[in-house]
């Protein structure tokens, strides 16, 4: 077998006594039976992406295992002692339903405690947003959640949160990574100080649910709540721990839970992918909605930060809203409620991201509220809250089926967001309307924006090279025309420059660097190219828009925009 020198060096390191016998045996087995898998497992170090570190579980430095997570935690422990000298350092750890999450969480707790750090470890799986809440509630400097969000069953991951409750962002993430990469595996302290590990559960659960109810309730009459019929599915994930209790405490009693998907299970046996962005994942929930004649379906991903929402259209058929549509509905509702309460005085803002619908800007402007736009990922919205303490944060979201209501949780939060969409649905139904009708009315008032995501999966070393080459081609040979429309602006977030193709003027963009390109065309279309930070994918976010004169014109306008999207996909050869 011919192994590249850098891979061979990494493999040989994992065959030393620093690693246990079981690990060494697994490495030797790969050498003899799966040379391709050996390459994939060792050709690079697993990296932090948009949502922390995610990867396939297994042996090797490009895999999730006790050693890669142990090294992360040892480096993070050293960094915490450096940043918070002579202080009692506290961290909180949560984990989801994935295979090995509980044992890997204990490894992480052991390493922190071995470094003299007080650890609060959830006694069982919990939603990711509860970790963000618990961090601030317990006054910790850092938090960790073991999760791979909606990735396939063979994945797990490691997300790092800081004392404000948000995920780490530059330059801090680079500083932590530098400490981690300078470590050798034999420096990991695995021997726990059990006196520093405290298990937590019911007290935090109660406070988290109460906070969710307080933040996402908006004076909906009890009769309206009783008249709303809800179907909920946790898709075998952690949300079963919080969402039913939150809805019940908020006064929603007609909640039908999909029983086959209510038990946490890292195999996700009833779905191809536990991703509420994909209609297939909600098949069972939609069937239950028709059986119970329910008004709304909500499904969450395994770690309960994303939610998929389905509502009835004007023909009474259940349709899945996309993430941009749910964030438009939620943002509009929050702005309306804040205005009704007399709380808008020019010192508030909403948050969004560069890949999300431009319609959020239109909405915010119509209420005289600032809309701040950051890079992809909720850590950037959390950073906005931290960077502008003089402003009140109303809410924020992005296209990836996530939303954040207020600042009690500084990350995507499907618990509060589920309650919020039920408030919207209940109030709309009580007024003789519906969620679907409310959305169309927003299009009439603000312009009809329609988005579509093309996600191309490119696995392994070859896939990574292919993705990199696609981005190089788009940079070095920028498109001049898309679907017959002239490209008028190209924003390159890697070089932090915006090129106006009408004037040929280049301007600097004051935003952190990221491997993202955005094309704008003369007809108002927006096409964004971005490699995923957590999955072997390159994503193309397409946004088109048109004026909508009246509700009755909706079907015709939607057909027009759908065709435009398909034309763009064909023209850019994204099929």
Protein backbone atom coordinates (compact mmCIF):
# COMPACT_ATOMS: atom_id res chain seq x y z
CA UNK A 1 0.00 0.00 0.00
CA UNK A 2 1.39 3.42 -1.00
CA UNK A 3 0.68 5.98 1.76
CA UNK A 4 1.57 9.68 1.42
CA UNK A 5 4.36 10.72 3.86
CA UNK A 6 2.19 13.16 5.82
CA UNK A 7 -0.51 10.52 6.27
CA UNK A 8 2.05 7.89 7.25
CA UNK A 9 3.51 10.20 9.92
CA UNK A 10 0.05 10.73 11.41
CA UNK A 11 -0.74 7.00 11.28
CA UNK A 12 2.52 6.09 13.01
CA UNK A 13 1.82 8.56 15.79
CA UNK A 14 -1.50 6.82 16.47
CA UNK A 15 0.33 3.51 16.79
CA UNK A 16 2.36 4.72 19.79
CA UNK A 17 1.53 3.94 23.47
CA UNK A 18 -0.06 7.40 23.82
CA UNK A 19 -3.12 5.76 22.27
CA UNK A 20 -4.94 2.82 23.85
CA UNK A 21 -4.72 -0.72 22.49
CA UNK A 22 -8.22 -0.62 21.02
CA UNK A 23 -7.39 2.50 19.02
CA UNK A 24 -4.10 1.09 17.76
CA UNK A 25 -5.84 -2.12 16.70
CA UNK A 26 -8.47 -0.13 14.78
CA UNK A 27 -5.74 1.83 12.96
CA UNK A 28 -3.94 -1.41 12.01
CA UNK A 29 -7.21 -2.85 10.75
CA UNK A 30 -7.71 0.17 8.47
CA UNK A 31 -4.17 -0.26 7.13
CA UNK A 32 -4.90 -3.80 6.00
CA UNK A 33 -8.58 -3.66 5.04
CA UNK A 34 -9.49 -0.06 4.11
CA UNK A 35 -6.57 1.99 2.72
CA UNK A 36 -8.96 4.60 1.29
CA UNK A 37 -10.68 4.98 4.67
CA UNK A 38 -7.23 5.25 6.28
CA UNK A 39 -6.40 8.17 3.99
CA UNK A 40 -9.70 9.89 4.76
CA UNK A 41 -9.14 9.41 8.49
CA UNK A 42 -5.64 10.89 8.60
CA UNK A 43 -5.05 13.26 5.67
CA UNK A 44 -5.87 16.38 7.72
CA UNK A 45 -6.86 17.54 11.16
CA UNK A 46 -10.58 17.93 11.77
CA UNK A 47 -11.31 21.66 11.56
CA UNK A 48 -13.67 24.13 13.17
CA UNK A 49 -16.33 25.30 10.72
CA UNK A 50 -19.43 27.51 10.79
CA UNK A 51 -21.08 25.49 13.56
CA UNK A 52 -18.00 24.20 15.42
CA UNK A 53 -16.34 20.89 14.65
CA UNK A 54 -18.26 18.05 13.00
CA UNK A 55 -17.03 14.83 11.54
CA UNK A 56 -17.45 11.11 11.11
CA UNK A 57 -16.75 9.09 14.25
CA UNK A 58 -13.75 6.77 14.13
CA UNK A 59 -10.00 6.67 14.69
CA UNK A 60 -7.67 9.30 13.25
CA UNK A 61 -7.02 13.01 13.44
CA UNK A 62 -9.77 13.69 10.85
CA UNK A 63 -12.37 11.85 12.90
CA UNK A 64 -14.41 12.45 16.05
CA UNK A 65 -13.04 10.33 18.90
CA UNK A 66 -11.85 10.61 22.52
CA UNK A 67 -8.41 11.82 21.40
CA UNK A 68 -9.44 14.56 18.98
CA UNK A 69 -12.05 15.84 21.44
CA UNK A 70 -9.64 15.33 24.32
CA UNK A 71 -7.05 17.44 22.52
CA UNK A 72 -9.63 20.14 21.83
CA UNK A 73 -10.61 20.18 25.48
CA UNK A 74 -7.03 20.21 26.75
CA UNK A 75 -6.21 23.16 24.52
CA UNK A 76 -9.40 24.92 25.56
CA UNK A 77 -8.55 24.30 29.23
CA UNK A 78 -5.10 25.87 28.75
CA UNK A 79 -6.69 28.84 26.99
CA UNK A 80 -9.28 29.33 29.74
CA UNK A 81 -6.55 29.43 32.39
CA UNK A 82 -4.67 31.97 30.27
CA UNK A 83 -7.71 34.24 29.73
CA UNK A 84 -9.17 33.92 33.24
CA UNK A 85 -6.10 33.78 35.50
CA UNK A 86 -6.63 33.36 39.24
CA UNK A 87 -10.37 32.77 38.77
CA UNK A 88 -12.64 29.83 39.47
CA UNK A 89 -13.35 28.63 35.95
CA UNK A 90 -16.69 26.96 35.25
CA UNK A 91 -17.89 25.15 32.13
CA UNK A 92 -21.20 23.47 31.29
CA UNK A 93 -21.53 20.49 28.94
CA UNK A 94 -24.57 19.16 27.08
CA UNK A 95 -24.99 16.44 24.48
CA UNK A 96 -27.60 15.13 22.05
CA UNK A 97 -28.99 11.74 21.00
CA UNK A 98 -26.14 10.69 18.75
CA UNK A 99 -24.12 7.53 19.19
CA UNK A 100 -21.33 7.97 21.76
CA UNK A 101 -22.48 11.49 22.69
CA UNK A 102 -22.86 10.61 26.37
CA UNK A 103 -19.47 8.86 26.62
CA UNK A 104 -17.70 11.59 24.65
CA UNK A 105 -19.32 14.24 26.87
CA UNK A 106 -17.91 12.43 29.91
CA UNK A 107 -14.45 12.39 28.30
CA UNK A 108 -14.70 16.15 27.79
CA UNK A 109 -15.85 16.60 31.41
CA UNK A 110 -12.98 14.43 32.65
CA UNK A 111 -10.36 16.51 30.82
CA UNK A 112 -11.77 19.83 32.05
CA UNK A 113 -11.89 18.54 35.63
CA UNK A 114 -8.35 17.14 35.38
CA UNK A 115 -7.30 20.71 34.59
CA UNK A 116 -8.90 22.08 37.76
CA UNK A 117 -12.05 23.41 36.05
CA UNK A 118 -15.51 23.14 37.64
CA UNK A 119 -17.78 21.15 35.31
CA UNK A 120 -21.58 21.14 35.12
CA UNK A 121 -22.62 18.11 33.06
CA UNK A 122 -26.21 17.46 32.04
CA UNK A 123 -27.31 14.07 33.35
CA UNK A 124 -29.01 13.20 30.07
CA UNK A 125 -29.39 14.55 26.54
CA UNK A 126 -30.64 18.13 26.20
CA UNK A 127 -31.41 20.63 23.39
CA UNK A 128 -28.50 22.76 22.24
CA UNK A 129 -30.31 26.05 23.07
CA UNK A 130 -30.59 24.90 26.69
CA UNK A 131 -26.78 24.74 26.79
CA UNK A 132 -26.56 28.40 25.74
CA UNK A 133 -29.16 29.32 28.37
CA UNK A 134 -27.48 27.24 31.10
CA UNK A 135 -24.10 28.85 30.44
CA UNK A 136 -25.41 32.29 31.42
CA UNK A 137 -27.75 30.94 34.11
CA UNK A 138 -24.84 29.23 35.90
CA UNK A 139 -22.36 32.04 35.31
CA UNK A 140 -19.91 29.88 33.35
CA UNK A 141 -17.06 31.13 31.20
CA UNK A 142 -17.48 28.41 28.58
CA UNK A 143 -19.90 25.78 27.33
CA UNK A 144 -19.62 22.70 25.13
CA UNK A 145 -22.30 20.73 23.33
CA UNK A 146 -21.66 17.38 21.69
CA UNK A 147 -23.81 17.35 18.55
CA UNK A 148 -23.71 17.03 14.79
CA UNK A 149 -27.02 18.81 14.24
CA UNK A 150 -28.83 17.15 11.30
CA UNK A 151 -25.85 15.27 9.83
CA UNK A 152 -26.13 11.52 9.13
CA UNK A 153 -25.89 8.98 12.02
CA UNK A 154 -22.16 8.36 11.62
CA UNK A 155 -21.35 11.97 12.55
CA UNK A 156 -20.79 13.72 15.85
CA UNK A 157 -19.44 17.13 16.77
CA UNK A 158 -18.17 19.65 19.30
CA UNK A 159 -19.42 23.23 19.59
CA UNK A 160 -17.77 25.81 21.86
CA UNK A 161 -19.69 28.65 23.53
CA UNK A 162 -18.32 31.60 25.47
CA UNK A 163 -19.50 33.46 28.56
CA UNK A 164 -22.04 35.62 26.65
CA UNK A 165 -23.85 32.41 25.61
CA UNK A 166 -22.82 32.64 21.95
CA UNK A 167 -20.45 30.45 19.98
CA UNK A 168 -16.82 31.50 19.68
CA UNK A 169 -16.00 33.88 16.80
CA UNK A 170 -12.79 35.38 15.35
CA UNK A 171 -10.22 36.23 16.50
CA UNK A 172 -10.88 34.11 19.59
CA UNK A 173 -11.56 30.92 17.63
CA UNK A 174 -8.17 31.21 15.90
CA UNK A 175 -6.43 31.80 19.22
CA UNK A 176 -8.04 28.67 20.68
CA UNK A 177 -7.24 26.62 17.57
CA UNK A 178 -3.59 27.73 17.75
CA UNK A 179 -3.35 26.47 21.32
CA UNK A 180 -5.00 23.16 20.34
CA UNK A 181 -2.77 22.62 17.31
CA UNK A 182 0.40 23.30 19.32
CA UNK A 183 -0.46 20.43 21.66
CA UNK A 184 0.67 16.86 21.27
CA UNK A 185 -1.74 14.06 22.14
CA UNK A 186 0.40 12.93 25.08
CA UNK A 187 -0.33 16.22 26.87
CA UNK A 188 -4.06 15.42 27.27
CA UNK A 189 -5.05 14.97 30.92
CA UNK A 190 -7.70 12.26 30.88
CA UNK A 191 -7.72 11.42 34.61
CA UNK A 192 -10.83 13.08 36.01
CA UNK A 193 -11.16 14.96 39.27
CA UNK A 194 -14.66 13.69 40.03
CA UNK A 195 -15.12 16.22 42.85
CA UNK A 196 -15.22 18.95 40.17
CA UNK A 197 -17.96 17.30 38.07
CA UNK A 198 -21.53 18.18 39.07
CA UNK A 199 -24.54 16.71 37.27
CA UNK A 200 -27.41 19.07 36.45
CA UNK A 201 -30.97 18.54 35.24
CA UNK A 202 -34.40 19.57 36.62
CA UNK A 203 -33.55 23.03 38.00
CA UNK A 204 -32.07 24.15 34.67
CA UNK A 205 -34.90 22.52 32.70
CA UNK A 206 -37.56 24.45 34.63
CA UNK A 207 -35.74 27.76 34.27
CA UNK A 208 -35.17 27.18 30.55
CA UNK A 209 -38.80 26.30 29.82
CA UNK A 210 -40.02 29.30 31.84
CA UNK A 211 -37.64 31.59 29.97
CA UNK A 212 -38.88 30.20 26.64
CA UNK A 213 -42.50 30.84 27.62
CA UNK A 214 -41.71 34.36 28.85
CA UNK A 215 -39.81 35.32 25.69
CA UNK A 216 -42.08 33.85 23.05
CA UNK A 217 -45.60 34.52 24.43
CA UNK A 218 -47.55 37.52 23.13
CA UNK A 219 -50.93 37.78 24.84
CA UNK A 220 -52.67 35.16 22.73
CA UNK A 221 -56.16 34.53 24.21
CA UNK A 222 -56.72 31.12 25.77
CA UNK A 223 -59.60 30.44 23.35
CA UNK A 224 -57.28 31.02 20.38
CA UNK A 225 -54.75 28.58 21.83
CA UNK A 226 -57.44 25.97 22.41
CA UNK A 227 -58.58 26.35 18.81
CA UNK A 228 -55.13 25.64 17.35
CA UNK A 229 -54.30 22.02 16.58
CA UNK A 230 -50.57 21.29 16.43
CA UNK A 231 -48.57 18.29 15.25
CA UNK A 232 -45.06 18.07 16.65
CA UNK A 233 -42.19 15.70 15.91
CA UNK A 234 -38.76 15.63 17.52
CA UNK A 235 -37.38 13.42 14.72
CA UNK A 236 -35.80 11.13 17.36
CA UNK A 237 -33.91 14.08 18.86
CA UNK A 238 -33.57 16.15 22.00
CA UNK A 239 -36.50 18.55 21.58
CA UNK A 240 -38.82 16.00 23.20
CA UNK A 241 -37.17 17.09 26.46
CA UNK A 242 -38.41 20.69 26.21
CA UNK A 243 -40.92 21.55 23.49
CA UNK A 244 -43.96 19.60 24.77
CA UNK A 245 -43.47 21.11 28.25
CA UNK A 246 -43.01 24.61 26.80
CA UNK A 247 -46.19 24.39 24.70
CA UNK A 248 -48.15 22.98 27.63
CA UNK A 249 -46.95 25.65 30.05
CA UNK A 250 -47.80 28.31 27.45
CA UNK A 251 -51.36 27.00 27.30
CA UNK A 252 -51.37 24.95 24.10
CA UNK A 253 -53.25 21.76 24.86
CA UNK A 254 -54.05 20.34 21.42
CA UNK A 255 -50.59 19.00 20.60
CA UNK A 256 -50.31 15.72 18.70
CA UNK A 257 -46.82 14.19 19.00
CA UNK A 258 -45.66 11.72 16.33
CA UNK A 259 -45.20 8.66 18.57
CA UNK A 260 -42.86 6.73 16.25
CA UNK A 261 -40.36 9.61 16.32
CA UNK A 262 -40.68 10.65 19.97
CA UNK A 263 -37.98 8.33 21.33
CA UNK A 264 -34.42 9.72 21.00
CA UNK A 265 -32.43 7.45 18.70
CA UNK A 266 -29.11 8.20 17.00
CA UNK A 267 -30.00 5.85 14.15
CA UNK A 268 -32.95 8.08 13.15
CA UNK A 269 -34.77 4.94 11.98
CA UNK A 270 -37.87 6.52 10.42
CA UNK A 271 -36.16 9.11 8.20
CA UNK A 272 -33.46 9.20 5.54
CA UNK A 273 -32.12 12.36 7.13
CA UNK A 274 -33.25 14.01 10.41
CA UNK A 275 -33.26 17.39 8.71
CA UNK A 276 -36.50 19.42 8.88
CA UNK A 277 -35.32 21.36 5.82
CA UNK A 278 -36.18 18.27 3.77
CA UNK A 279 -39.88 17.54 3.22
CA UNK A 280 -39.31 13.78 3.50
CA UNK A 281 -38.34 14.16 7.16
CA UNK A 282 -41.83 15.44 7.99
CA UNK A 283 -43.76 12.75 6.08
CA UNK A 284 -45.12 11.07 9.21
CA UNK A 285 -45.96 14.40 10.84
CA UNK A 286 -47.87 15.56 7.75
CA UNK A 287 -49.84 12.31 7.69
CA UNK A 288 -50.75 12.80 11.36
CA UNK A 289 -51.77 16.40 10.61
CA UNK A 290 -54.24 15.23 7.98
CA UNK A 291 -55.54 12.49 10.27
CA UNK A 292 -56.13 14.97 13.12
CA UNK A 293 -57.11 17.91 10.88
CA UNK A 294 -54.34 19.98 12.48
CA UNK A 295 -53.45 23.53 11.49
CA UNK A 296 -49.67 23.43 11.78
CA UNK A 297 -46.78 20.96 11.82
CA UNK A 298 -43.47 21.62 13.57
CA UNK A 299 -40.46 19.30 13.35
CA UNK A 300 -37.05 19.89 14.87
CA UNK A 301 -33.59 18.54 14.13
CA UNK A 302 -31.73 16.24 16.57
CA UNK A 303 -30.18 19.00 18.69
CA UNK A 304 -33.29 21.20 18.58
CA UNK A 305 -31.88 24.36 17.07
CA UNK A 306 -33.62 24.19 13.66
CA UNK A 307 -37.32 23.82 13.01
CA UNK A 308 -39.33 22.95 9.95
CA UNK A 309 -42.86 24.36 9.74
CA UNK A 310 -45.73 23.20 7.56
CA UNK A 311 -49.07 25.04 7.32
CA UNK A 312 -52.20 24.73 5.23
CA UNK A 313 -52.37 26.72 1.99
CA UNK A 314 -55.54 28.30 0.63
CA UNK A 315 -56.66 24.89 -0.69
CA UNK A 316 -56.27 23.29 2.74
CA UNK A 317 -53.17 21.33 1.70
CA UNK A 318 -50.18 21.13 4.04
CA UNK A 319 -47.06 22.76 2.57
CA UNK A 320 -43.57 23.10 4.06
CA UNK A 321 -42.37 26.67 4.52
CA UNK A 322 -38.70 27.34 3.89
CA UNK A 323 -36.39 28.95 6.43
CA UNK A 324 -36.63 32.37 4.82
CA UNK A 325 -40.42 32.29 4.96
CA UNK A 326 -40.53 31.32 8.64
CA UNK A 327 -37.99 34.01 9.55
CA UNK A 328 -40.00 36.62 7.62
CA UNK A 329 -43.19 35.61 9.44
CA UNK A 330 -41.52 35.58 12.85
CA UNK A 331 -39.65 38.86 12.35
CA UNK A 332 -42.79 40.62 11.10
CA UNK A 333 -44.82 39.31 14.04
CA UNK A 334 -42.20 40.42 16.58
CA UNK A 335 -41.92 43.87 15.02
CA UNK A 336 -45.71 44.22 15.08
CA UNK A 337 -45.86 43.15 18.74
CA UNK A 338 -43.06 45.51 19.79
CA UNK A 339 -44.76 48.39 17.95
CA UNK A 340 -48.13 47.57 19.54
CA UNK A 341 -46.47 47.62 22.97
CA UNK A 342 -44.87 51.00 22.24
CA UNK A 343 -41.37 49.55 22.59
CA UNK A 344 -39.89 50.78 19.30
CA UNK A 345 -37.84 53.96 19.78
CA UNK A 346 -34.98 53.60 17.29
CA UNK A 347 -32.77 51.69 19.72
CA UNK A 348 -33.65 48.18 18.57
CA UNK A 349 -32.40 45.89 15.82
CA UNK A 350 -33.08 42.59 14.10
CA UNK A 351 -30.37 40.26 12.83
CA UNK A 352 -29.89 38.34 9.61
CA UNK A 353 -27.10 36.86 7.47
CA UNK A 354 -25.68 37.40 4.01
CA UNK A 355 -27.26 34.21 2.61
CA UNK A 356 -30.76 34.99 3.88
CA UNK A 357 -33.65 36.75 2.17
CA UNK A 358 -33.22 40.48 1.46
CA UNK A 359 -36.88 40.82 2.42
CA UNK A 360 -35.83 41.13 6.08
CA UNK A 361 -34.24 44.49 5.24
CA UNK A 362 -37.53 45.66 3.70
CA UNK A 363 -39.48 44.54 6.78
CA UNK A 364 -37.15 46.22 9.25
CA UNK A 365 -37.12 49.45 7.24
CA UNK A 366 -40.92 49.56 7.21
CA UNK A 367 -40.84 49.67 11.04
CA UNK A 368 -37.90 52.08 11.26
CA UNK A 369 -35.77 49.35 12.83
CA UNK A 370 -32.16 48.63 11.92
CA UNK A 371 -31.34 45.27 10.35
CA UNK A 372 -27.79 44.10 10.96
CA UNK A 373 -26.45 41.52 8.50
CA UNK A 374 -23.55 39.21 9.32
CA UNK A 375 -21.81 36.16 7.95
CA UNK A 376 -23.53 32.77 7.87
CA UNK A 377 -24.19 31.27 11.28
CA UNK A 378 -25.94 32.37 14.43
CA UNK A 379 -22.65 33.02 16.20
CA UNK A 380 -22.53 36.24 14.17
CA UNK A 381 -26.00 37.29 15.31
CA UNK A 382 -24.97 36.54 18.90
CA UNK A 383 -21.88 38.69 18.34
CA UNK A 384 -24.12 41.58 17.22
CA UNK A 385 -25.87 41.48 20.60
CA UNK A 386 -22.52 41.52 22.37
CA UNK A 387 -21.05 44.29 20.18
CA UNK A 388 -24.05 46.64 20.48
CA UNK A 389 -25.14 46.53 24.15
CA UNK A 390 -26.82 49.92 23.74
CA UNK A 391 -29.36 48.35 21.34
CA UNK A 392 -32.17 45.94 22.17
CA UNK A 393 -32.25 42.74 20.14
CA UNK A 394 -35.75 41.87 18.92
CA UNK A 395 -35.02 38.65 17.04
CA UNK A 396 -33.06 37.22 14.19
CA UNK A 397 -32.72 34.31 11.85
CA UNK A 398 -31.26 32.88 8.70
CA UNK A 399 -32.37 30.72 5.83
CA UNK A 400 -31.19 27.48 7.47
CA UNK A 401 -34.49 27.00 9.36
CA UNK A 402 -33.33 28.71 12.54
CA UNK A 403 -34.55 31.65 14.58
CA UNK A 404 -33.61 33.40 17.81
CA UNK A 405 -36.27 35.18 19.88
CA UNK A 406 -34.70 37.83 22.11
CA UNK A 407 -31.33 37.26 23.76
CA UNK A 408 -31.99 34.71 26.53
CA UNK A 409 -30.47 32.12 24.20
CA UNK A 410 -27.62 33.23 21.95
CA UNK A 411 -28.01 30.61 19.23
CA UNK A 412 -30.63 29.07 16.98
CA UNK A 413 -33.45 28.07 19.31
CA UNK A 414 -36.21 25.77 18.12
CA UNK A 415 -37.88 25.76 21.54
CA UNK A 416 -38.82 29.45 21.68
CA UNK A 417 -39.25 29.53 17.89
CA UNK A 418 -41.79 26.68 18.03
CA UNK A 419 -43.84 28.55 20.59
CA UNK A 420 -43.54 31.76 18.56
CA UNK A 421 -44.84 30.19 15.32
CA UNK A 422 -47.75 28.70 17.30
CA UNK A 423 -48.55 32.16 18.66
CA UNK A 424 -48.56 33.49 15.10
CA UNK A 425 -50.80 30.64 13.91
CA UNK A 426 -53.22 30.91 16.83
CA UNK A 427 -53.66 34.67 16.48
CA UNK A 428 -54.05 34.44 12.70
CA UNK A 429 -56.69 31.70 12.95
CA UNK A 430 -58.59 33.65 15.62
CA UNK A 431 -58.67 36.63 13.27
CA UNK A 432 -60.11 34.54 10.42
CA UNK A 433 -56.77 34.35 8.64
CA UNK A 434 -53.96 31.78 8.49
CA UNK A 435 -50.18 31.65 8.55
CA UNK A 436 -50.19 31.18 4.77
CA UNK A 437 -52.46 34.18 4.18
CA UNK A 438 -50.34 36.31 6.50
CA UNK A 439 -47.23 35.40 4.48
CA UNK A 440 -48.83 36.36 1.16
CA UNK A 441 -49.99 39.67 2.65
CA UNK A 442 -46.40 40.39 3.67
CA UNK A 443 -45.36 39.81 0.06
CA UNK A 444 -47.95 42.33 -1.11
CA UNK A 445 -46.69 44.90 1.39
CA UNK A 446 -42.93 44.36 1.06
CA UNK A 447 -42.34 42.70 -2.31
CA UNK A 448 -42.46 39.01 -3.18
CA UNK A 449 -39.05 37.49 -2.44
CA UNK A 450 -38.53 33.82 -3.19
CA UNK A 451 -35.44 31.80 -2.33
CA UNK A 452 -34.09 28.42 -3.30
CA UNK A 453 -31.09 26.44 -2.08
CA UNK A 454 -29.00 24.16 -4.30
CA UNK A 455 -26.74 21.95 -2.21
CA UNK A 456 -24.13 19.82 -3.99
CA UNK A 457 -22.50 17.04 -1.94
CA UNK A 458 -18.82 16.32 -2.68
CA UNK A 459 -17.39 13.81 -0.21
CA UNK A 460 -13.81 13.08 0.80
CA UNK A 461 -10.45 14.41 -0.38
CA UNK A 462 -11.51 14.50 -4.03
CA UNK A 463 -14.75 16.25 -3.15
CA UNK A 464 -12.90 18.93 -1.18
CA UNK A 465 -10.63 19.58 -4.16
CA UNK A 466 -13.65 19.81 -6.47
CA UNK A 467 -15.37 22.33 -4.18
CA UNK A 468 -12.20 24.41 -3.93
CA UNK A 469 -11.85 24.41 -7.73
CA UNK A 470 -15.46 25.54 -8.20
CA UNK A 471 -14.82 28.55 -5.96
CA UNK A 472 -11.53 29.31 -7.76
CA UNK A 473 -13.32 29.26 -11.12
CA UNK A 474 -16.07 31.58 -9.88
CA UNK A 475 -13.42 34.01 -8.59
CA UNK A 476 -10.96 33.93 -11.46
CA UNK A 477 -13.58 33.81 -14.20
CA UNK A 478 -16.51 35.74 -12.73
CA UNK A 479 -19.83 35.40 -14.50
CA UNK A 480 -20.79 38.46 -16.54
CA UNK A 481 -24.37 37.35 -17.14
CA UNK A 482 -26.81 34.99 -15.38
CA UNK A 483 -30.06 33.91 -17.03
CA UNK A 484 -29.72 36.69 -19.60
CA UNK A 485 -29.37 39.34 -16.89
CA UNK A 486 -26.21 41.39 -16.54
CA UNK A 487 -24.21 40.87 -13.35
CA UNK A 488 -23.84 44.34 -11.82
CA UNK A 489 -22.05 43.56 -8.54
CA UNK A 490 -19.80 40.81 -7.17
CA UNK A 491 -19.03 40.64 -3.47
CA UNK A 492 -16.04 38.53 -2.47
CA UNK A 493 -16.01 37.94 1.25
CA UNK A 494 -12.63 36.21 1.11
CA UNK A 495 -10.93 39.39 -0.10
CA UNK A 496 -13.50 41.67 1.62
CA UNK A 497 -14.11 43.53 -1.63
CA UNK A 498 -17.16 44.47 -3.68
CA UNK A 499 -16.73 45.06 -7.41
CA UNK A 500 -19.27 47.27 -9.19
CA UNK A 501 -19.28 45.95 -12.76
CA UNK A 502 -21.15 49.00 -14.05
CA UNK A 503 -18.43 51.44 -12.93
CA UNK A 504 -15.59 48.92 -12.47
CA UNK A 505 -15.04 50.45 -9.03
CA UNK A 506 -13.90 48.23 -6.18
CA UNK A 507 -14.76 49.00 -2.57
CA UNK A 508 -13.77 47.42 0.75
CA UNK A 509 -16.33 45.56 2.87
CA UNK A 510 -16.09 45.90 6.64
CA UNK A 511 -16.92 42.32 7.54
CA UNK A 512 -14.79 39.33 8.62
CA UNK A 513 -13.33 37.23 5.84
CA UNK A 514 -15.18 34.12 4.67
CA UNK A 515 -15.08 31.88 1.60
CA UNK A 516 -18.26 33.32 0.06
CA UNK A 517 -19.08 34.93 -3.29
CA UNK A 518 -22.32 36.82 -4.03
CA UNK A 519 -23.47 37.84 -7.52
CA UNK A 520 -26.15 40.51 -8.01
CA UNK A 521 -27.93 40.91 -11.36
CA UNK A 522 -29.70 43.86 -12.95
CA UNK A 523 -33.17 42.42 -12.25
CA UNK A 524 -32.55 42.19 -8.49
CA UNK A 525 -31.60 38.52 -8.35
CA UNK A 526 -28.95 37.41 -5.86
CA UNK A 527 -26.87 34.24 -6.14
CA UNK A 528 -24.51 33.27 -3.34
CA UNK A 529 -21.86 30.51 -3.55
CA UNK A 530 -20.54 29.13 -0.27
CA UNK A 531 -18.80 25.89 0.74
CA UNK A 532 -20.39 24.49 3.90
CA UNK A 533 -18.36 24.81 7.08
CA UNK A 534 -19.73 21.61 8.61
CA UNK A 535 -20.60 19.26 5.74
CA UNK A 536 -18.90 18.10 2.49
CA UNK A 537 -21.09 20.39 0.41
CA UNK A 538 -21.03 23.53 -1.67
CA UNK A 539 -24.22 25.57 -1.45
CA UNK A 540 -25.77 28.03 -3.88
CA UNK A 541 -28.38 30.35 -2.40
CA UNK A 542 -30.67 31.88 -5.03
CA UNK A 543 -32.98 34.82 -4.31
CA UNK A 544 -35.35 36.37 -6.85
CA UNK A 545 -38.13 38.88 -6.41
CA UNK A 546 -41.07 40.62 -8.04
CA UNK A 547 -43.76 43.10 -7.16
CA UNK A 548 -47.04 41.55 -5.98
CA UNK A 549 -49.94 43.91 -6.60
CA UNK A 550 -52.60 41.86 -4.82
CA UNK A 551 -53.20 38.54 -3.08
CA UNK A 552 -55.07 37.30 -6.14
CA UNK A 553 -51.91 37.64 -8.25
CA UNK A 554 -49.88 35.34 -5.97
CA UNK A 555 -50.09 32.10 -7.96
CA UNK A 556 -49.08 33.76 -11.22
CA UNK A 557 -46.19 35.63 -9.57
CA UNK A 558 -44.97 32.48 -7.83
CA UNK A 559 -44.93 30.55 -11.11
CA UNK A 560 -42.93 33.37 -12.68
CA UNK A 561 -40.34 33.33 -9.87
CA UNK A 562 -40.16 29.52 -9.81
CA UNK A 563 -39.34 29.52 -13.52
CA UNK A 564 -36.72 32.20 -13.03
CA UNK A 565 -35.03 30.10 -10.33
CA UNK A 566 -34.99 27.03 -12.59
CA UNK A 567 -33.54 29.12 -15.41
CA UNK A 568 -30.74 30.34 -13.13
CA UNK A 569 -29.98 26.76 -12.04
CA UNK A 570 -29.83 25.60 -15.65
CA UNK A 571 -27.73 28.57 -16.77
CA UNK A 572 -25.18 28.04 -13.97
CA UNK A 573 -25.23 24.24 -14.57
CA UNK A 574 -26.12 23.49 -10.96
CA UNK A 575 -28.40 20.55 -11.82
